Amino acid sequence: MRKLAAVLFAGLSLIVIGLTGSPADAKEYGKCGFDSDCNPGVKCRSGKCADSAGSSCGFDSDCGGAKCRSGKCASAPDGSCAFDSDCGRGGKCSSQKCKW
C-alpha cells in the first residue's frame, strides 16, 4: 500500500510540475531578444523590455501604450507618472506610480 501511495504521489507531482513548469524554466520578464519577448506593444531595447526595471525608452511608442517620461516608461517599476494617461492600458497614477 505504501508503494502504491508513493507511486501515485510521484506521478501526481510530475503532472503538477509539467503543468506549471519548474522554477528553473521560469523566464524573468525584462530580458529580451525581440519585441515579441516583451509585453504587447513594448519594444526590446538593448536586450531589455522598455517597460522593465533598469530599461529605457526613447519614444512613447516604445512603452506599449504608456508614456515615455525622462527616458523611462511610466509603467516600468522604476518609472513615474503624473496623470492616469501616462500609465496606459487602464492604469491609474497614484503617488507618481502606475497601478493596475
N, C-alpha and C. Protein backbone atom coordinates (compact mmCIF):
# COMPACT_ATOMS: atom_id res chain seq x y z
N MET A 1 0.82 -1.19 0.00
CA MET A 1 0.00 0.00 0.00
C MET A 1 0.86 1.26 0.00
N ARG A 2 1.94 1.25 0.79
CA ARG A 2 2.84 2.41 0.82
C ARG A 2 3.48 2.64 -0.54
N LYS A 3 3.83 1.54 -1.20
CA LYS A 3 4.47 1.65 -2.51
C LYS A 3 3.50 2.29 -3.52
N LEU A 4 2.25 1.87 -3.48
CA LEU A 4 1.24 2.43 -4.38
C LEU A 4 1.04 3.92 -4.10
N ALA A 5 0.99 4.30 -2.83
CA ALA A 5 0.83 5.71 -2.46
C ALA A 5 2.02 6.53 -2.94
N ALA A 6 3.23 5.98 -2.80
CA ALA A 6 4.43 6.69 -3.23
C ALA A 6 4.43 6.87 -4.75
N VAL A 7 4.04 5.84 -5.47
CA VAL A 7 3.99 5.92 -6.93
C VAL A 7 2.95 6.94 -7.38
N LEU A 8 1.79 6.92 -6.76
CA LEU A 8 0.74 7.89 -7.10
C LEU A 8 1.18 9.31 -6.80
N PHE A 9 1.82 9.51 -5.64
CA PHE A 9 2.31 10.85 -5.28
C PHE A 9 3.35 11.33 -6.28
N ALA A 10 4.29 10.46 -6.64
CA ALA A 10 5.33 10.83 -7.61
C ALA A 10 4.71 11.18 -8.95
N GLY A 11 3.74 10.39 -9.39
CA GLY A 11 3.08 10.66 -10.66
C GLY A 11 2.33 11.98 -10.64
N LEU A 12 1.63 12.23 -9.57
CA LEU A 12 0.89 13.49 -9.42
C LEU A 12 1.86 14.68 -9.40
N SER A 13 2.99 14.52 -8.71
CA SER A 13 3.99 15.59 -8.67
C SER A 13 4.52 15.92 -10.05
N LEU A 14 4.79 14.89 -10.85
CA LEU A 14 5.27 15.12 -12.21
C LEU A 14 4.24 15.83 -13.07
N ILE A 15 2.98 15.48 -12.89
CA ILE A 15 1.91 16.14 -13.65
C ILE A 15 1.83 17.61 -13.26
N VAL A 16 1.88 17.91 -11.96
CA VAL A 16 1.80 19.30 -11.50
C VAL A 16 2.99 20.09 -12.02
N ILE A 17 4.19 19.55 -11.94
CA ILE A 17 5.38 20.24 -12.45
C ILE A 17 5.25 20.45 -13.96
N GLY A 18 4.75 19.48 -14.67
CA GLY A 18 4.57 19.61 -16.12
C GLY A 18 3.58 20.70 -16.48
N LEU A 19 2.54 20.85 -15.69
CA LEU A 19 1.52 21.86 -15.99
C LEU A 19 1.96 23.27 -15.60
N THR A 20 2.72 23.38 -14.52
CA THR A 20 3.08 24.71 -14.03
C THR A 20 4.49 25.12 -14.42
N GLY A 21 5.32 24.18 -14.81
CA GLY A 21 6.71 24.49 -15.13
C GLY A 21 7.53 24.53 -13.86
N SER A 22 8.78 24.25 -13.99
CA SER A 22 9.65 24.27 -12.82
C SER A 22 10.30 25.63 -12.69
N PRO A 23 10.76 26.00 -11.50
CA PRO A 23 11.40 27.30 -11.32
C PRO A 23 12.59 27.50 -12.26
N ALA A 24 13.28 26.43 -12.61
CA ALA A 24 14.44 26.56 -13.49
C ALA A 24 14.00 27.00 -14.90
N ASP A 25 12.75 26.68 -15.26
CA ASP A 25 12.26 27.03 -16.59
C ASP A 25 11.70 28.44 -16.64
N ALA A 26 11.44 29.04 -15.49
CA ALA A 26 10.81 30.36 -15.46
C ALA A 26 11.76 31.41 -16.05
N LYS A 27 11.21 32.26 -16.90
CA LYS A 27 12.00 33.33 -17.52
C LYS A 27 11.66 34.64 -16.83
N GLU A 28 12.66 35.31 -16.38
CA GLU A 28 12.46 36.60 -15.73
C GLU A 28 12.03 37.61 -16.78
N TYR A 29 10.91 38.30 -16.55
CA TYR A 29 10.46 39.30 -17.50
C TYR A 29 11.44 40.46 -17.54
N GLY A 30 11.70 40.91 -18.72
CA GLY A 30 12.56 42.08 -18.89
C GLY A 30 13.69 41.81 -19.87
N LYS A 31 14.25 40.62 -19.84
CA LYS A 31 15.30 40.28 -20.79
C LYS A 31 14.64 39.91 -22.11
N CYS A 32 15.20 40.38 -23.20
CA CYS A 32 14.57 40.12 -24.50
C CYS A 32 15.61 40.09 -25.62
N GLY A 33 15.20 39.47 -26.69
CA GLY A 33 15.99 39.49 -27.91
C GLY A 33 15.18 40.12 -29.04
N PHE A 34 13.88 40.08 -28.87
CA PHE A 34 12.95 40.59 -29.88
C PHE A 34 11.79 41.30 -29.18
N ASP A 35 11.11 42.19 -29.88
CA ASP A 35 9.94 42.88 -29.32
C ASP A 35 8.90 41.87 -28.85
N SER A 36 8.78 40.74 -29.52
CA SER A 36 7.78 39.73 -29.17
C SER A 36 8.05 39.08 -27.81
N ASP A 37 9.25 39.25 -27.25
CA ASP A 37 9.56 38.73 -25.92
C ASP A 37 8.98 39.61 -24.82
N CYS A 38 8.52 40.80 -25.18
CA CYS A 38 8.03 41.79 -24.22
C CYS A 38 6.50 41.82 -24.19
N ASN A 39 5.95 42.62 -23.29
CA ASN A 39 4.51 42.81 -23.24
C ASN A 39 4.02 43.37 -24.57
N PRO A 40 2.73 43.20 -24.89
CA PRO A 40 2.21 43.69 -26.17
C PRO A 40 2.51 45.17 -26.42
N GLY A 41 3.09 45.46 -27.57
CA GLY A 41 3.38 46.83 -27.98
C GLY A 41 4.66 47.41 -27.39
N VAL A 42 5.32 46.68 -26.51
CA VAL A 42 6.55 47.18 -25.85
C VAL A 42 7.75 46.77 -26.69
N LYS A 43 8.70 47.68 -26.83
CA LYS A 43 9.90 47.43 -27.63
C LYS A 43 11.01 46.82 -26.78
N CYS A 44 11.81 46.00 -27.45
CA CYS A 44 13.02 45.45 -26.84
C CYS A 44 14.15 46.42 -27.17
N ARG A 45 14.76 46.99 -26.15
CA ARG A 45 15.84 47.96 -26.34
C ARG A 45 17.09 47.50 -25.60
N SER A 46 18.14 47.26 -26.36
CA SER A 46 19.43 46.83 -25.78
C SER A 46 19.27 45.62 -24.85
N GLY A 47 18.46 44.66 -25.28
CA GLY A 47 18.31 43.42 -24.52
C GLY A 47 17.35 43.48 -23.35
N LYS A 48 16.65 44.60 -23.18
CA LYS A 48 15.67 44.73 -22.10
C LYS A 48 14.37 45.28 -22.64
N CYS A 49 13.25 44.76 -22.11
CA CYS A 49 11.95 45.30 -22.47
C CYS A 49 11.85 46.72 -21.91
N ALA A 50 11.37 47.65 -22.72
CA ALA A 50 11.35 49.06 -22.33
C ALA A 50 10.54 49.33 -21.07
N ASP A 51 9.58 48.45 -20.74
CA ASP A 51 8.76 48.67 -19.54
C ASP A 51 9.24 47.88 -18.33
N SER A 52 10.46 47.37 -18.39
CA SER A 52 11.01 46.64 -17.25
C SER A 52 11.96 47.53 -16.45
N ALA A 53 12.23 47.14 -15.22
CA ALA A 53 13.13 47.90 -14.35
C ALA A 53 14.53 47.96 -14.96
N GLY A 54 15.14 49.11 -14.91
CA GLY A 54 16.50 49.28 -15.41
C GLY A 54 16.61 49.48 -16.90
N SER A 55 15.49 49.60 -17.57
CA SER A 55 15.49 49.79 -19.02
C SER A 55 15.28 51.25 -19.37
N SER A 56 15.20 51.53 -20.66
CA SER A 56 14.98 52.91 -21.09
C SER A 56 14.06 52.95 -22.30
N CYS A 57 13.57 54.13 -22.59
CA CYS A 57 12.74 54.35 -23.78
C CYS A 57 13.19 55.64 -24.44
N GLY A 58 12.85 55.76 -25.71
CA GLY A 58 13.15 56.98 -26.44
C GLY A 58 11.89 57.69 -26.91
N PHE A 59 10.82 56.90 -27.06
CA PHE A 59 9.55 57.42 -27.59
C PHE A 59 8.40 56.73 -26.87
N ASP A 60 7.24 57.38 -26.86
CA ASP A 60 6.05 56.76 -26.28
C ASP A 60 5.77 55.41 -26.92
N SER A 61 6.04 55.27 -28.20
CA SER A 61 5.77 54.02 -28.91
C SER A 61 6.60 52.84 -28.40
N ASP A 62 7.65 53.11 -27.63
CA ASP A 62 8.46 52.03 -27.03
C ASP A 62 7.74 51.36 -25.87
N CYS A 63 6.76 52.05 -25.29
CA CYS A 63 6.20 51.68 -23.99
C CYS A 63 4.87 50.94 -24.03
N GLY A 64 4.39 50.56 -25.18
CA GLY A 64 3.16 49.76 -25.25
C GLY A 64 1.92 50.45 -24.74
N GLY A 65 1.79 51.73 -24.98
CA GLY A 65 0.60 52.48 -24.56
C GLY A 65 0.87 53.45 -23.42
N ALA A 66 1.92 53.22 -22.67
CA ALA A 66 2.30 54.15 -21.61
C ALA A 66 3.16 55.27 -22.21
N LYS A 67 3.40 56.30 -21.45
CA LYS A 67 4.23 57.41 -21.91
C LYS A 67 5.69 57.15 -21.56
N CYS A 68 6.57 57.66 -22.42
CA CYS A 68 8.00 57.66 -22.15
C CYS A 68 8.30 59.00 -21.48
N ARG A 69 8.66 58.96 -20.20
CA ARG A 69 8.91 60.18 -19.41
C ARG A 69 10.36 60.19 -18.94
N SER A 70 11.11 61.16 -19.40
CA SER A 70 12.52 61.30 -19.00
C SER A 70 13.32 60.02 -19.23
N GLY A 71 13.05 59.37 -20.36
CA GLY A 71 13.81 58.18 -20.73
C GLY A 71 13.37 56.89 -20.08
N LYS A 72 12.25 56.90 -19.34
CA LYS A 72 11.70 55.70 -18.69
C LYS A 72 10.23 55.58 -19.03
N CYS A 73 9.78 54.35 -19.28
CA CYS A 73 8.34 54.15 -19.45
C CYS A 73 7.67 54.40 -18.11
N ALA A 74 6.60 55.17 -18.13
CA ALA A 74 5.87 55.47 -16.89
C ALA A 74 5.41 54.19 -16.21
N SER A 75 5.13 53.14 -16.99
CA SER A 75 4.62 51.88 -16.45
C SER A 75 5.72 50.97 -15.91
N ALA A 76 6.98 51.31 -16.12
CA ALA A 76 8.08 50.49 -15.59
C ALA A 76 8.12 50.60 -14.07
N PRO A 77 8.59 49.55 -13.39
CA PRO A 77 8.66 49.61 -11.92
C PRO A 77 9.45 50.81 -11.40
N ASP A 78 10.45 51.25 -12.14
CA ASP A 78 11.23 52.41 -11.71
C ASP A 78 10.88 53.67 -12.50
N GLY A 79 9.75 53.64 -13.20
CA GLY A 79 9.25 54.81 -13.92
C GLY A 79 8.36 55.65 -13.02
N SER A 80 7.89 56.78 -13.54
CA SER A 80 6.99 57.62 -12.76
C SER A 80 5.91 58.21 -13.66
N CYS A 81 4.83 58.62 -13.06
CA CYS A 81 3.71 59.19 -13.80
C CYS A 81 3.23 60.45 -13.10
N ALA A 82 2.51 61.26 -13.86
CA ALA A 82 1.87 62.44 -13.30
C ALA A 82 0.35 62.37 -13.48
N PHE A 83 -0.08 61.65 -14.50
CA PHE A 83 -1.51 61.54 -14.83
C PHE A 83 -1.83 60.09 -15.16
N ASP A 84 -3.10 59.71 -15.01
CA ASP A 84 -3.54 58.36 -15.36
C ASP A 84 -3.17 58.03 -16.81
N SER A 85 -3.27 59.01 -17.69
CA SER A 85 -3.00 58.77 -19.10
C SER A 85 -1.53 58.40 -19.36
N ASP A 86 -0.64 58.71 -18.42
CA ASP A 86 0.76 58.33 -18.57
C ASP A 86 0.94 56.82 -18.49
N CYS A 87 0.03 56.14 -17.78
CA CYS A 87 0.19 54.72 -17.50
C CYS A 87 -0.25 53.81 -18.63
N GLY A 88 -1.23 54.23 -19.42
CA GLY A 88 -1.74 53.39 -20.49
C GLY A 88 -2.46 52.16 -19.95
N ARG A 89 -3.04 51.37 -20.83
CA ARG A 89 -3.71 50.09 -20.53
C ARG A 89 -4.60 50.14 -19.29
N GLY A 90 -5.28 51.24 -19.06
CA GLY A 90 -6.22 51.34 -17.94
C GLY A 90 -5.57 51.53 -16.58
N GLY A 91 -4.29 51.87 -16.56
CA GLY A 91 -3.59 52.09 -15.30
C GLY A 91 -3.99 53.40 -14.66
N LYS A 92 -3.79 53.50 -13.37
CA LYS A 92 -4.05 54.72 -12.61
C LYS A 92 -2.73 55.20 -12.01
N CYS A 93 -2.54 56.51 -12.02
CA CYS A 93 -1.35 57.10 -11.44
C CYS A 93 -1.65 57.44 -9.98
N SER A 94 -0.92 56.83 -9.06
CA SER A 94 -1.11 57.06 -7.64
C SER A 94 0.27 57.22 -6.99
N SER A 95 0.49 58.34 -6.35
CA SER A 95 1.79 58.64 -5.72
C SER A 95 2.93 58.50 -6.72
N GLN A 96 2.70 58.99 -7.93
CA GLN A 96 3.66 59.00 -9.03
C GLN A 96 4.07 57.62 -9.53
N LYS A 97 3.25 56.57 -9.23
CA LYS A 97 3.49 55.22 -9.71
C LYS A 97 2.24 54.71 -10.40
N CYS A 98 2.41 53.98 -11.49
CA CYS A 98 1.28 53.38 -12.19
C CYS A 98 0.80 52.15 -11.44
N LYS A 99 -0.49 52.05 -11.24
CA LYS A 99 -1.13 50.91 -10.55
C LYS A 99 -2.22 50.35 -11.45
N TRP A 100 -2.42 49.05 -11.37
CA TRP A 100 -3.50 48.40 -12.13
C TRP A 100 -4.40 47.64 -11.24
